[in-house]
Amino acid sequence: MGLSRNTISRALNDEPGVSKEMKEKILQTAFEKGYKAGIPKQFINQNKNIALVSFYNALNDSFWHPFVVGLERVVRREGYSLLMCHFNEEDSKKRMIPSTVQSEKVAGIVMIGLYSQRYAQCFVDLGLPIVFVDCNVEINIGNLVADVIKMDNERSTYELTKYLIREKGCTRLGFYGDVAACAGYQERYQGFLKALTEFNLPFNPEESLVFDTKERYTSESTMRRALQKINYLPEAFVCCNDGRAISLMAELKKMDYRVPEDIKVVGFDDQREASMVTPALTTIKCDREHLGYRTGEELFWRFKNPDRPFEIITLPTQPVIRESSE
């Protein structure tokens, strides 16, 4: 490398006097030459793969397509490859890690979708850098075990609920979502309740579709049965995401309710389908490609800063007002 023995020694022993960039080049070269003692994991990993771990059908959801594009941009820029790794309910129950996610095959992990806290801990125990996109509701903020990136869930849902109350005159509002599925849904629920409290409006659980099952979020059949039991539907439904909102609008139509004339419906995520349904869905938008890009940046930052405290990063959102709330 054309460097002095002293410079090489300082880098290999992690001593001051060598820039971070030069130290990384020396470590990489040392590994390539067969020297492995004391070399950090990211240099020892020959495959240079990043595992994107999700529930088996999560990536079929249009929400994640821009996210993967953004994540892959960073992964490729850093000279790594992205591995799609899936798990199913049986894997989660038995805490079985996909065979492709092994410490000798991947340098880091990004975990998305819905998963239990116990299953997530199995990946943390691998000792690899890991970033969770959203997290389980049971997360202990004071004792993080990995980095977390999430959207501004509570504030944005609070603001959208306020819009329905203040601008649209709604006084009876319901919430639809499995609030135990992930921290994001729980935060959106809290934002909804915060707005009701601010305007001194009561929350009637019998006029909502709030599920606390601690399972993967509720099926359409569960929603349908619960909806049909409500004697007096609210003036507006705030939903945990666009998929639930679109399903709810379809079911309301079958029951001869008009959206938004009879009941207003709003979602969260601004998925592609939100602008395609009739009526078009009012929702909350997060730049999902940036979410993926920022996730990748955080993971590679963690490679270089393994001893820094774990972080929770919140990305901004913005409302998208469409016909379903007008």
C-alpha atoms as a PDB file:
ATOM      1  CA  MET A   1       0.000   0.000   0.000  1.00  0.00           C
ATOM      2  CA  GLY A   2       3.068   2.267   0.074  1.00  0.00           C
ATOM      3  CA  LEU A   3       2.598   2.985   3.791  1.00  0.00           C
ATOM      4  CA  SER A   4       5.037   2.782   6.677  1.00  0.00           C
ATOM      5  CA  ARG A   5       5.154  -0.154   9.065  1.00  0.00           C
ATOM      6  CA  ASN A   6       4.175   2.252  11.861  1.00  0.00           C
ATOM      7  CA  THR A   7       1.012   3.372  10.025  1.00  0.00           C
ATOM      8  CA  ILE A   8      -0.015  -0.231   9.334  1.00  0.00           C
ATOM      9  CA  SER A   9       0.574  -1.152  12.983  1.00  0.00           C
ATOM     10  CA  ARG A  10      -1.536   1.743  14.252  1.00  0.00           C
ATOM     11  CA  ALA A  11      -4.408   0.777  11.976  1.00  0.00           C
ATOM     12  CA  LEU A  12      -4.327  -2.930  12.871  1.00  0.00           C
ATOM     13  CA  ASN A  13      -4.222  -2.122  16.568  1.00  0.00           C
ATOM     14  CA  ASP A  14      -6.914   0.574  16.323  1.00  0.00           C
ATOM     15  CA  GLU A  15      -4.611   3.279  17.644  1.00  0.00           C
ATOM     16  CA  PRO A  16      -4.938   7.040  16.968  1.00  0.00           C
ATOM     17  CA  GLY A  17      -2.953   8.746  14.255  1.00  0.00           C
ATOM     18  CA  VAL A  18      -4.632   7.127  11.220  1.00  0.00           C
ATOM     19  CA  SER A  19      -7.786   8.508   9.560  1.00  0.00           C
ATOM     20  CA  LYS A  20     -10.945   6.388   9.593  1.00  0.00           C
ATOM     21  CA  GLU A  21     -10.925   6.071   5.787  1.00  0.00           C
ATOM     22  CA  MET A  22      -7.282   4.947   5.682  1.00  0.00           C
ATOM     23  CA  LYS A  23      -7.827   2.547   8.576  1.00  0.00           C
ATOM     24  CA  GLU A  24     -10.683   0.868   6.694  1.00  0.00           C
ATOM     25  CA  LYS A  25      -8.537   0.499   3.551  1.00  0.00           C
ATOM     26  CA  ILE A  26      -5.724  -1.066   5.575  1.00  0.00           C
ATOM     27  CA  LEU A  27      -8.100  -3.482   7.336  1.00  0.00           C
ATOM     28  CA  GLN A  28      -9.687  -4.512   4.035  1.00  0.00           C
ATOM     29  CA  THR A  29      -6.292  -5.087   2.415  1.00  0.00           C
ATOM     30  CA  ALA A  30      -5.047  -7.009   5.456  1.00  0.00           C
ATOM     31  CA  PHE A  31      -8.014  -9.344   5.257  1.00  0.00           C
ATOM     32  CA  GLU A  32      -7.577  -9.857   1.519  1.00  0.00           C
ATOM     33  CA  LYS A  33      -3.949 -10.811   2.168  1.00  0.00           C
ATOM     34  CA  GLY A  34      -5.028 -13.476   4.658  1.00  0.00           C
ATOM     35  CA  TYR A  35      -4.555 -11.602   7.929  1.00  0.00           C
ATOM     36  CA  LYS A  36      -7.702 -12.083  10.041  1.00  0.00           C
ATOM     37  CA  ALA A  37      -6.735 -11.603  13.704  1.00  0.00           C
ATOM     38  CA  GLY A  38      -8.592  -8.591  15.131  1.00  0.00           C
ATOM     39  CA  ILE A  39     -10.296  -7.706  11.822  1.00  0.00           C
ATOM     40  CA  PRO A  40     -13.926  -6.502  12.286  1.00  0.00           C
ATOM     41  CA  LYS A  41     -16.708  -8.789  11.037  1.00  0.00           C
ATOM     42  CA  GLN A  42     -17.636  -6.636   8.063  1.00  0.00           C
ATOM     43  CA  PHE A  43     -14.170  -7.118   6.558  1.00  0.00           C
ATOM     44  CA  ILE A  44     -14.014 -10.841   7.287  1.00  0.00           C
ATOM     45  CA  ASN A  45     -17.331 -11.490   5.536  1.00  0.00           C
ATOM     46  CA  GLN A  46     -16.400 -12.600   2.045  1.00  0.00           C
ATOM     47  CA  ASN A  47     -19.897 -12.717   0.593  1.00  0.00           C
ATOM     48  CA  LYS A  48     -20.645  -9.093   1.500  1.00  0.00           C
ATOM     49  CA  ASN A  49     -24.382  -9.708   1.668  1.00  0.00           C
ATOM     50  CA  ILE A  50     -27.095  -7.769   3.499  1.00  0.00           C
ATOM     51  CA  ALA A  51     -30.137  -9.833   4.518  1.00  0.00           C
ATOM     52  CA  LEU A  52     -33.558  -8.215   4.105  1.00  0.00           C
ATOM     53  CA  VAL A  53     -35.746 -10.319   6.397  1.00  0.00           C
ATOM     54  CA  SER A  54     -39.534 -10.225   6.094  1.00  0.00           C
ATOM     55  CA  PHE A  55     -42.635 -12.328   6.606  1.00  0.00           C
ATOM     56  CA  TYR A  56     -43.081 -14.592   3.568  1.00  0.00           C
ATOM     57  CA  ASN A  57     -45.550 -12.387   1.652  1.00  0.00           C
ATOM     58  CA  ALA A  58     -44.646  -8.926   2.978  1.00  0.00           C
ATOM     59  CA  LEU A  59     -42.859  -7.849  -0.195  1.00  0.00           C
ATOM     60  CA  ASN A  60     -46.057  -8.465  -2.204  1.00  0.00           C
ATOM     61  CA  ASP A  61     -47.368  -5.329  -0.504  1.00  0.00           C
ATOM     62  CA  SER A  62     -46.782  -2.299  -2.725  1.00  0.00           C
ATOM     63  CA  PHE A  63     -45.673  -0.338   0.340  1.00  0.00           C
ATOM     64  CA  TRP A  64     -42.297  -2.079   0.329  1.00  0.00           C
ATOM     65  CA  HIS A  65     -41.379  -1.777  -3.369  1.00  0.00           C
ATOM     66  CA  PRO A  66     -39.954   1.787  -3.158  1.00  0.00           C
ATOM     67  CA  PHE A  67     -38.328   0.883   0.153  1.00  0.00           C
ATOM     68  CA  VAL A  68     -36.345  -1.940  -1.469  1.00  0.00           C
ATOM     69  CA  VAL A  69     -35.262   0.388  -4.288  1.00  0.00           C
ATOM     70  CA  GLY A  70     -33.892   2.903  -1.782  1.00  0.00           C
ATOM     71  CA  LEU A  71     -32.213   0.252   0.364  1.00  0.00           C
ATOM     72  CA  GLU A  72     -30.590  -1.445  -2.610  1.00  0.00           C
ATOM     73  CA  ARG A  73     -29.118   1.847  -3.824  1.00  0.00           C
ATOM     74  CA  VAL A  74     -27.082   2.121  -0.629  1.00  0.00           C
ATOM     75  CA  VAL A  75     -26.214  -1.583  -0.504  1.00  0.00           C
ATOM     76  CA  ARG A  76     -24.858  -1.581  -4.071  1.00  0.00           C
ATOM     77  CA  ARG A  77     -23.010   1.682  -3.538  1.00  0.00           C
ATOM     78  CA  GLU A  78     -21.142   0.081  -0.650  1.00  0.00           C
ATOM     79  CA  GLY A  79     -20.222  -2.956  -2.755  1.00  0.00           C
ATOM     80  CA  TYR A  80     -22.654  -5.371  -1.112  1.00  0.00           C
ATOM     81  CA  SER A  81     -25.568  -7.474  -2.393  1.00  0.00           C
ATOM     82  CA  LEU A  82     -29.115  -7.634  -1.001  1.00  0.00           C
ATOM     83  CA  LEU A  83     -30.482 -11.064  -0.044  1.00  0.00           C
ATOM     84  CA  MET A  84     -34.267 -11.497   0.269  1.00  0.00           C
ATOM     85  CA  CYS A  85     -34.893 -13.764   3.253  1.00  0.00           C
ATOM     86  CA  HIS A  86     -38.386 -14.863   4.253  1.00  0.00           C
ATOM     87  CA  PHE A  87     -39.898 -16.527   7.289  1.00  0.00           C
ATOM     88  CA  ASN A  88     -43.360 -17.945   7.964  1.00  0.00           C
ATOM     89  CA  GLU A  89     -45.543 -18.330  11.029  1.00  0.00           C
ATOM     90  CA  GLU A  90     -44.070 -21.727  11.835  1.00  0.00           C
ATOM     91  CA  ASP A  91     -40.531 -20.302  11.719  1.00  0.00           C
ATOM     92  CA  SER A  92     -41.581 -17.523  14.068  1.00  0.00           C
ATOM     93  CA  LYS A  93     -43.240 -19.881  16.561  1.00  0.00           C
ATOM     94  CA  LYS A  94     -40.236 -22.231  16.612  1.00  0.00           C
ATOM     95  CA  ARG A  95     -37.792 -19.309  16.420  1.00  0.00           C
ATOM     96  CA  MET A  96     -36.087 -20.766  13.373  1.00  0.00           C
ATOM     97  CA  ILE A  97     -33.851 -18.360  11.456  1.00  0.00           C
ATOM     98  CA  PRO A  98     -33.876 -18.691   7.625  1.00  0.00           C
ATOM     99  CA  SER A  99     -30.892 -20.706   6.445  1.00  0.00           C
ATOM    100  CA  THR A 100     -29.629 -17.793   4.337  1.00  0.00           C
ATOM    101  CA  VAL A 101     -29.306 -15.633   7.446  1.00  0.00           C
ATOM    102  CA  GLN A 102     -26.144 -16.995   9.002  1.00  0.00           C
ATOM    103  CA  SER A 103     -23.315 -14.995  10.450  1.00  0.00           C
ATOM    104  CA  GLU A 104     -20.846 -16.436   7.934  1.00  0.00           C
ATOM    105  CA  LYS A 105     -23.059 -15.487   4.961  1.00  0.00           C
ATOM    106  CA  VAL A 106     -24.289 -11.985   5.783  1.00  0.00           C
ATOM    107  CA  ALA A 107     -22.635  -8.894   7.180  1.00  0.00           C
ATOM    108  CA  GLY A 108     -25.811  -7.193   8.411  1.00  0.00           C
ATOM    109  CA  ILE A 109     -29.598  -7.503   8.652  1.00  0.00           C
ATOM    110  CA  VAL A 110     -32.579  -5.291   7.886  1.00  0.00           C
ATOM    111  CA  MET A 111     -35.840  -6.614   9.330  1.00  0.00           C
ATOM    112  CA  ILE A 112     -39.229  -5.384   8.101  1.00  0.00           C
ATOM    113  CA  GLY A 113     -42.892  -6.250   8.525  1.00  0.00           C
ATOM    114  CA  LEU A 114     -44.576  -7.839  11.522  1.00  0.00           C
ATOM    115  CA  TYR A 115     -42.773 -10.158  13.902  1.00  0.00           C
ATOM    116  CA  SER A 116     -42.787 -11.024  17.589  1.00  0.00           C
ATOM    117  CA  GLN A 117     -40.299  -9.579  20.040  1.00  0.00           C
ATOM    118  CA  ARG A 118     -38.996 -13.056  20.859  1.00  0.00           C
ATOM    119  CA  TYR A 119     -38.400 -13.866  17.198  1.00  0.00           C
ATOM    120  CA  ALA A 120     -36.646 -10.547  16.620  1.00  0.00           C
ATOM    121  CA  GLN A 121     -34.346 -11.341  19.536  1.00  0.00           C
ATOM    122  CA  CYS A 122     -33.170 -14.476  17.701  1.00  0.00           C
ATOM    123  CA  PHE A 123     -31.712 -12.259  14.972  1.00  0.00           C
ATOM    124  CA  VAL A 124     -30.219  -9.845  17.487  1.00  0.00           C
ATOM    125  CA  ASP A 125     -28.476 -12.802  19.154  1.00  0.00           C
ATOM    126  CA  LEU A 126     -26.524 -13.467  15.953  1.00  0.00           C
ATOM    127  CA  GLY A 127     -24.353 -10.516  16.951  1.00  0.00           C
ATOM    128  CA  LEU A 128     -24.576  -8.839  13.533  1.00  0.00           C
ATOM    129  CA  PRO A 129     -25.424  -5.188  12.871  1.00  0.00           C
ATOM    130  CA  ILE A 130     -29.201  -5.014  12.498  1.00  0.00           C
ATOM    131  CA  VAL A 131     -31.764  -2.303  11.746  1.00  0.00           C
ATOM    132  CA  PHE A 132     -35.465  -2.791  12.439  1.00  0.00           C
ATOM    133  CA  VAL A 133     -37.935  -0.825  10.318  1.00  0.00           C
ATOM    134  CA  ASP A 134     -40.648  -0.180  12.891  1.00  0.00           C
ATOM    135  CA  CYS A 135     -40.618  -2.616  15.791  1.00  0.00           C
ATOM    136  CA  ASN A 136     -42.763  -4.642  18.138  1.00  0.00           C
ATOM    137  CA  VAL A 137     -45.013  -2.840  20.632  1.00  0.00           C
ATOM    138  CA  GLU A 138     -43.039  -4.383  23.490  1.00  0.00           C
ATOM    139  CA  ILE A 139     -39.855  -2.464  22.662  1.00  0.00           C
ATOM    140  CA  ASN A 140     -38.052  -0.982  25.666  1.00  0.00           C
ATOM    141  CA  ILE A 141     -36.860   2.455  24.585  1.00  0.00           C
ATOM    142  CA  GLY A 142     -34.503   2.626  27.545  1.00  0.00           C
ATOM    143  CA  ASN A 143     -32.787  -0.634  26.662  1.00  0.00           C
ATOM    144  CA  LEU A 144     -32.603  -0.875  22.874  1.00  0.00           C
ATOM    145  CA  VAL A 145     -30.994  -3.972  21.377  1.00  0.00           C
ATOM    146  CA  ALA A 146     -30.685  -2.626  17.810  1.00  0.00           C
ATOM    147  CA  ASP A 147     -31.242   0.473  15.703  1.00  0.00           C
ATOM    148  CA  VAL A 148     -34.837   1.329  14.738  1.00  0.00           C
ATOM    149  CA  ILE A 149     -36.144   3.498  11.905  1.00  0.00           C
ATOM    150  CA  LYS A 150     -39.802   4.471  11.856  1.00  0.00           C
ATOM    151  CA  MET A 151     -42.250   7.037  10.507  1.00  0.00           C
ATOM    152  CA  ASP A 152     -43.757   9.936  12.417  1.00  0.00           C
ATOM    153  CA  ASN A 153     -46.769   7.833  13.322  1.00  0.00           C
ATOM    154  CA  GLU A 154     -48.328   9.471  16.365  1.00  0.00           C
ATOM    155  CA  ARG A 155     -48.042  13.140  15.382  1.00  0.00           C
ATOM    156  CA  SER A 156     -49.246  12.647  11.806  1.00  0.00           C
ATOM    157  CA  THR A 157     -52.290  10.569  12.827  1.00  0.00           C
ATOM    158  CA  TYR A 158     -53.050  13.135  15.517  1.00  0.00           C
ATOM    159  CA  GLU A 159     -53.005  15.905  12.889  1.00  0.00           C
ATOM    160  CA  LEU A 160     -55.182  13.970  10.432  1.00  0.00           C
ATOM    161  CA  THR A 161     -57.721  13.173  13.157  1.00  0.00           C
ATOM    162  CA  LYS A 162     -57.755  16.859  14.098  1.00  0.00           C
ATOM    163  CA  TYR A 163     -58.494  17.661  10.449  1.00  0.00           C
ATOM    164  CA  LEU A 164     -61.556  15.395  10.506  1.00  0.00           C
ATOM    165  CA  ILE A 165     -62.787  17.039  13.697  1.00  0.00           C
ATOM    166  CA  ARG A 166     -61.994  20.681  13.041  1.00  0.00           C
ATOM    167  CA  GLU A 167     -62.359  20.936   9.257  1.00  0.00           C
ATOM    168  CA  LYS A 168     -64.990  18.290   8.594  1.00  0.00           C
ATOM    169  CA  GLY A 169     -67.029  18.602  11.775  1.00  0.00           C
ATOM    170  CA  CYS A 170     -66.806  14.945  12.818  1.00  0.00           C
ATOM    171  CA  THR A 171     -67.652  14.360  16.473  1.00  0.00           C
ATOM    172  CA  ARG A 172     -67.934  10.564  16.498  1.00  0.00           C
ATOM    173  CA  LEU A 173     -64.814   8.837  15.221  1.00  0.00           C
ATOM    174  CA  GLY A 174     -63.698   5.219  15.230  1.00  0.00           C
ATOM    175  CA  PHE A 175     -60.319   3.554  14.779  1.00  0.00           C
ATOM    176  CA  TYR A 176     -59.602   0.409  12.768  1.00  0.00           C
ATOM    177  CA  GLY A 177     -56.444  -1.606  13.350  1.00  0.00           C
ATOM    178  CA  ASP A 178     -54.643  -4.285  15.282  1.00  0.00           C
ATOM    179  CA  VAL A 179     -52.861  -2.035  17.758  1.00  0.00           C
ATOM    180  CA  ALA A 180     -50.768  -4.914  19.124  1.00  0.00           C
ATOM    181  CA  ALA A 181     -49.256  -5.882  15.769  1.00  0.00           C
ATOM    182  CA  CYS A 182     -46.401  -3.376  15.802  1.00  0.00           C
ATOM    183  CA  ALA A 183     -45.269  -0.163  17.463  1.00  0.00           C
ATOM    184  CA  GLY A 184     -46.285   1.889  14.418  1.00  0.00           C
ATOM    185  CA  TYR A 185     -49.956   0.910  14.671  1.00  0.00           C
ATOM    186  CA  GLN A 186     -49.920   1.500  18.417  1.00  0.00           C
ATOM    187  CA  GLU A 187     -48.463   4.994  17.897  1.00  0.00           C
ATOM    188  CA  ARG A 188     -51.107   5.825  15.273  1.00  0.00           C
ATOM    189  CA  TYR A 189     -53.789   4.715  17.699  1.00  0.00           C
ATOM    190  CA  GLN A 190     -52.308   6.939  20.402  1.00  0.00           C
ATOM    191  CA  GLY A 191     -52.273   9.895  18.003  1.00  0.00           C
ATOM    192  CA  PHE A 192     -55.960   9.280  17.258  1.00  0.00           C
ATOM    193  CA  LEU A 193     -56.842   9.174  20.965  1.00  0.00           C
ATOM    194  CA  LYS A 194     -54.771  12.295  21.655  1.00  0.00           C
ATOM    195  CA  ALA A 195     -56.816  14.300  19.134  1.00  0.00           C
ATOM    196  CA  LEU A 196     -60.113  13.115  20.665  1.00  0.00           C
ATOM    197  CA  THR A 197     -58.903  14.130  24.105  1.00  0.00           C
ATOM    198  CA  GLU A 198     -57.845  17.576  22.905  1.00  0.00           C
ATOM    199  CA  PHE A 199     -61.341  18.260  21.553  1.00  0.00           C
ATOM    200  CA  ASN A 200     -63.092  16.657  24.556  1.00  0.00           C
ATOM    201  CA  LEU A 201     -64.647  13.989  22.368  1.00  0.00           C
ATOM    202  CA  PRO A 202     -65.465  10.582  23.864  1.00  0.00           C
ATOM    203  CA  PHE A 203     -63.990   7.378  22.510  1.00  0.00           C
ATOM    204  CA  ASN A 204     -66.516   4.581  22.236  1.00  0.00           C
ATOM    205  CA  PRO A 205     -64.799   1.188  21.734  1.00  0.00           C
ATOM    206  CA  GLU A 206     -68.106  -0.247  20.509  1.00  0.00           C
ATOM    207  CA  GLU A 207     -67.942   2.070  17.496  1.00  0.00           C
ATOM    208  CA  SER A 208     -64.366   1.063  16.611  1.00  0.00           C
ATOM    209  CA  LEU A 209     -62.549  -1.938  15.197  1.00  0.00           C
ATOM    210  CA  VAL A 210     -59.621  -2.024  17.602  1.00  0.00           C
ATOM    211  CA  PHE A 211     -58.015  -5.437  17.971  1.00  0.00           C
ATOM    212  CA  ASP A 212     -55.458  -6.315  20.627  1.00  0.00           C
ATOM    213  CA  THR A 213     -54.601  -9.882  19.651  1.00  0.00           C
ATOM    214  CA  LYS A 214     -50.766  -9.676  19.594  1.00  0.00           C
ATOM    215  CA  GLU A 215     -51.009 -11.713  16.391  1.00  0.00           C
ATOM    216  CA  ARG A 216     -50.429 -10.783  12.768  1.00  0.00           C
ATOM    217  CA  TYR A 217     -52.937  -8.058  11.998  1.00  0.00           C
ATOM    218  CA  THR A 218     -56.552  -8.874  11.672  1.00  0.00           C
ATOM    219  CA  SER A 219     -58.104 -10.579   8.653  1.00  0.00           C
ATOM    220  CA  GLU A 220     -60.869  -9.100   6.535  1.00  0.00           C
ATOM    221  CA  SER A 221     -63.308 -11.715   7.819  1.00  0.00           C
ATOM    222  CA  THR A 222     -62.602 -10.628  11.393  1.00  0.00           C
ATOM    223  CA  MET A 223     -63.193  -7.001  10.416  1.00  0.00           C
ATOM    224  CA  ARG A 224     -66.400  -7.895   8.599  1.00  0.00           C
ATOM    225  CA  ARG A 225     -67.895  -9.719  11.578  1.00  0.00           C
ATOM    226  CA  ALA A 226     -66.949  -6.921  13.981  1.00  0.00           C
ATOM    227  CA  LEU A 227     -68.275  -4.209  11.659  1.00  0.00           C
ATOM    228  CA  GLN A 228     -71.650  -5.885  11.302  1.00  0.00           C
ATOM    229  CA  LYS A 229     -72.033  -5.933  15.102  1.00  0.00           C
ATOM    230  CA  ILE A 230     -71.775  -2.134  15.371  1.00  0.00           C
ATOM    231  CA  ASN A 231     -75.297  -0.747  15.806  1.00  0.00           C
ATOM    232  CA  TYR A 232     -74.448   2.896  15.169  1.00  0.00           C
ATOM    233  CA  LEU A 233     -71.455   3.493  12.927  1.00  0.00           C
ATOM    234  CA  PRO A 234     -69.230   6.570  13.527  1.00  0.00           C
ATOM    235  CA  GLU A 235     -68.983   9.552  11.197  1.00  0.00           C
ATOM    236  CA  ALA A 236     -65.372   8.724  10.319  1.00  0.00           C
ATOM    237  CA  PHE A 237     -62.908   5.854  10.577  1.00  0.00           C
ATOM    238  CA  VAL A 238     -59.179   6.432  11.071  1.00  0.00           C
ATOM    239  CA  CYS A 239     -57.370   3.287   9.885  1.00  0.00           C
ATOM    240  CA  CYS A 240     -53.946   1.936  10.815  1.00  0.00           C
ATOM    241  CA  ASN A 241     -52.891   1.676   7.141  1.00  0.00           C
ATOM    242  CA  ASP A 242     -54.182   2.008   3.594  1.00  0.00           C
ATOM    243  CA  GLY A 243     -54.808  -1.708   3.130  1.00  0.00           C
ATOM    244  CA  ARG A 244     -57.184  -1.801   6.093  1.00  0.00           C
ATOM    245  CA  ALA A 245     -58.855   1.433   4.950  1.00  0.00           C
ATOM    246  CA  ILE A 246     -59.472   0.119   1.418  1.00  0.00           C
ATOM    247  CA  SER A 247     -60.897  -3.153   2.757  1.00  0.00           C
ATOM    248  CA  LEU A 248     -63.148  -1.203   5.102  1.00  0.00           C
ATOM    249  CA  MET A 249     -64.460   1.014   2.289  1.00  0.00           C
ATOM    250  CA  ALA A 250     -65.282  -2.072   0.213  1.00  0.00           C
ATOM    251  CA  GLU A 251     -67.200  -3.619   3.090  1.00  0.00           C
ATOM    252  CA  LEU A 252     -69.073  -0.388   3.843  1.00  0.00           C
ATOM    253  CA  LYS A 253     -70.141  -0.245   0.203  1.00  0.00           C
ATOM    254  CA  LYS A 254     -71.559  -3.778   0.478  1.00  0.00           C
ATOM    255  CA  MET A 255     -73.548  -2.552   3.483  1.00  0.00           C
ATOM    256  CA  ASP A 256     -74.948   0.322   1.361  1.00  0.00           C
ATOM    257  CA  TYR A 257     -72.967   3.056   3.103  1.00  0.00           C
ATOM    258  CA  ARG A 258     -71.471   5.832   0.983  1.00  0.00           C
ATOM    259  CA  VAL A 259     -67.930   7.089   1.482  1.00  0.00           C
ATOM    260  CA  PRO A 260     -67.504   9.962   2.250  1.00  0.00           C
ATOM    261  CA  GLU A 261     -71.172  11.080   2.333  1.00  0.00           C
ATOM    262  CA  ASP A 262     -72.196   8.679   5.124  1.00  0.00           C
ATOM    263  CA  ILE A 263     -68.824   7.765   6.612  1.00  0.00           C
ATOM    264  CA  LYS A 264     -65.413   9.303   6.001  1.00  0.00           C
ATOM    265  CA  VAL A 265     -62.382   6.975   5.871  1.00  0.00           C
ATOM    266  CA  VAL A 266     -58.678   7.803   6.091  1.00  0.00           C
ATOM    267  CA  GLY A 267     -55.590   5.585   5.978  1.00  0.00           C
ATOM    268  CA  PHE A 268     -51.828   5.738   6.391  1.00  0.00           C
ATOM    269  CA  ASP A 269     -48.838   5.030   4.052  1.00  0.00           C
ATOM    270  CA  ASP A 270     -50.079   6.454   0.704  1.00  0.00           C
ATOM    271  CA  GLN A 271     -49.665   3.161  -1.102  1.00  0.00           C
ATOM    272  CA  ARG A 272     -50.159   3.068  -4.862  1.00  0.00           C
ATOM    273  CA  GLU A 273     -53.694   1.709  -4.453  1.00  0.00           C
ATOM    274  CA  ALA A 274     -54.745   4.707  -2.328  1.00  0.00           C
ATOM    275  CA  SER A 275     -55.027   6.969  -5.377  1.00  0.00           C
ATOM    276  CA  MET A 276     -56.602   4.261  -7.556  1.00  0.00           C
ATOM    277  CA  VAL A 277     -59.633   3.266  -5.472  1.00  0.00           C
ATOM    278  CA  THR A 278     -62.992   5.036  -5.690  1.00  0.00           C
ATOM    279  CA  PRO A 279     -63.252   7.310  -3.836  1.00  0.00           C
ATOM    280  CA  ALA A 280     -59.529   8.049  -3.695  1.00  0.00           C
ATOM    281  CA  LEU A 281     -58.228   7.575  -0.168  1.00  0.00           C
ATOM    282  CA  THR A 282     -57.096  10.359   2.160  1.00  0.00           C
ATOM    283  CA  THR A 283     -53.919   9.165   3.820  1.00  0.00           C
ATOM    284  CA  ILE A 284     -50.498  10.059   5.211  1.00  0.00           C
ATOM    285  CA  LYS A 285     -47.439   9.895   3.007  1.00  0.00           C
ATOM    286  CA  CYS A 286     -43.898   8.931   3.905  1.00  0.00           C
ATOM    287  CA  ASP A 287     -41.162   8.902   1.270  1.00  0.00           C
ATOM    288  CA  ARG A 288     -40.719   5.128   1.255  1.00  0.00           C
ATOM    289  CA  GLU A 289     -37.720   5.145  -1.055  1.00  0.00           C
ATOM    290  CA  HIS A 290     -36.003   7.536   1.348  1.00  0.00           C
ATOM    291  CA  LEU A 291     -37.047   5.243   4.204  1.00  0.00           C
ATOM    292  CA  GLY A 292     -35.153   2.407   2.516  1.00  0.00           C
ATOM    293  CA  TYR A 293     -32.180   4.621   1.685  1.00  0.00           C
ATOM    294  CA  ARG A 294     -31.970   5.929   5.240  1.00  0.00           C
ATOM    295  CA  THR A 295     -32.210   2.377   6.590  1.00  0.00           C
ATOM    296  CA  GLY A 296     -29.213   1.367   4.488  1.00  0.00           C
ATOM    297  CA  GLU A 297     -27.259   4.408   5.629  1.00  0.00           C
ATOM    298  CA  GLU A 298     -27.951   3.556   9.263  1.00  0.00           C
ATOM    299  CA  LEU A 299     -26.812  -0.040   8.808  1.00  0.00           C
ATOM    300  CA  PHE A 300     -23.492   0.929   7.228  1.00  0.00           C
ATOM    301  CA  TRP A 301     -23.002   3.647   9.834  1.00  0.00           C
ATOM    302  CA  ARG A 302     -23.408   0.932  12.461  1.00  0.00           C
ATOM    303  CA  PHE A 303     -20.701  -1.142  10.727  1.00  0.00           C
ATOM    304  CA  LYS A 304     -18.264   1.689  11.361  1.00  0.00           C
ATOM    305  CA  ASN A 305     -19.569   2.603  14.815  1.00  0.00           C
ATOM    306  CA  PRO A 306     -20.349  -0.705  16.560  1.00  0.00           C
ATOM    307  CA  ASP A 307     -19.935   0.702  20.060  1.00  0.00           C
ATOM    308  CA  ARG A 308     -22.132   3.786  19.727  1.00  0.00           C
ATOM    309  CA  PRO A 309     -25.556   3.755  21.503  1.00  0.00           C
ATOM    310  CA  PHE A 310     -28.435   2.321  19.505  1.00  0.00           C
ATOM    311  CA  GLU A 311     -30.742   4.852  17.863  1.00  0.00           C
ATOM    312  CA  ILE A 312     -34.401   5.410  17.037  1.00  0.00           C
ATOM    313  CA  ILE A 313     -34.735   7.533  13.899  1.00  0.00           C
ATOM    314  CA  THR A 314     -38.109   9.081  13.024  1.00  0.00           C
ATOM    315  CA  LEU A 315     -38.742  10.206   9.440  1.00  0.00           C
ATOM    316  CA  PRO A 316     -41.254  12.968   8.564  1.00  0.00           C
ATOM    317  CA  THR A 317     -44.655  12.420   6.949  1.00  0.00           C
ATOM    318  CA  GLN A 318     -47.274  14.604   5.292  1.00  0.00           C
ATOM    319  CA  PRO A 319     -51.068  14.374   4.818  1.00  0.00           C
ATOM    320  CA  VAL A 320     -52.563  13.653   1.395  1.00  0.00           C
ATOM    321  CA  ILE A 321     -56.171  14.829   1.297  1.00  0.00           C
ATOM    322  CA  ARG A 322     -58.394  13.024  -1.220  1.00  0.00           C
ATOM    323  CA  GLU A 323     -62.097  12.333  -1.779  1.00  0.00           C
ATOM    324  CA  SER A 324     -62.652   9.724   0.970  1.00  0.00           C
ATOM    325  CA  SER A 325     -62.651  12.446   3.669  1.00  0.00           C
ATOM    326  CA  GLU A 326     -64.328  15.278   1.759  1.00  0.00           C
END
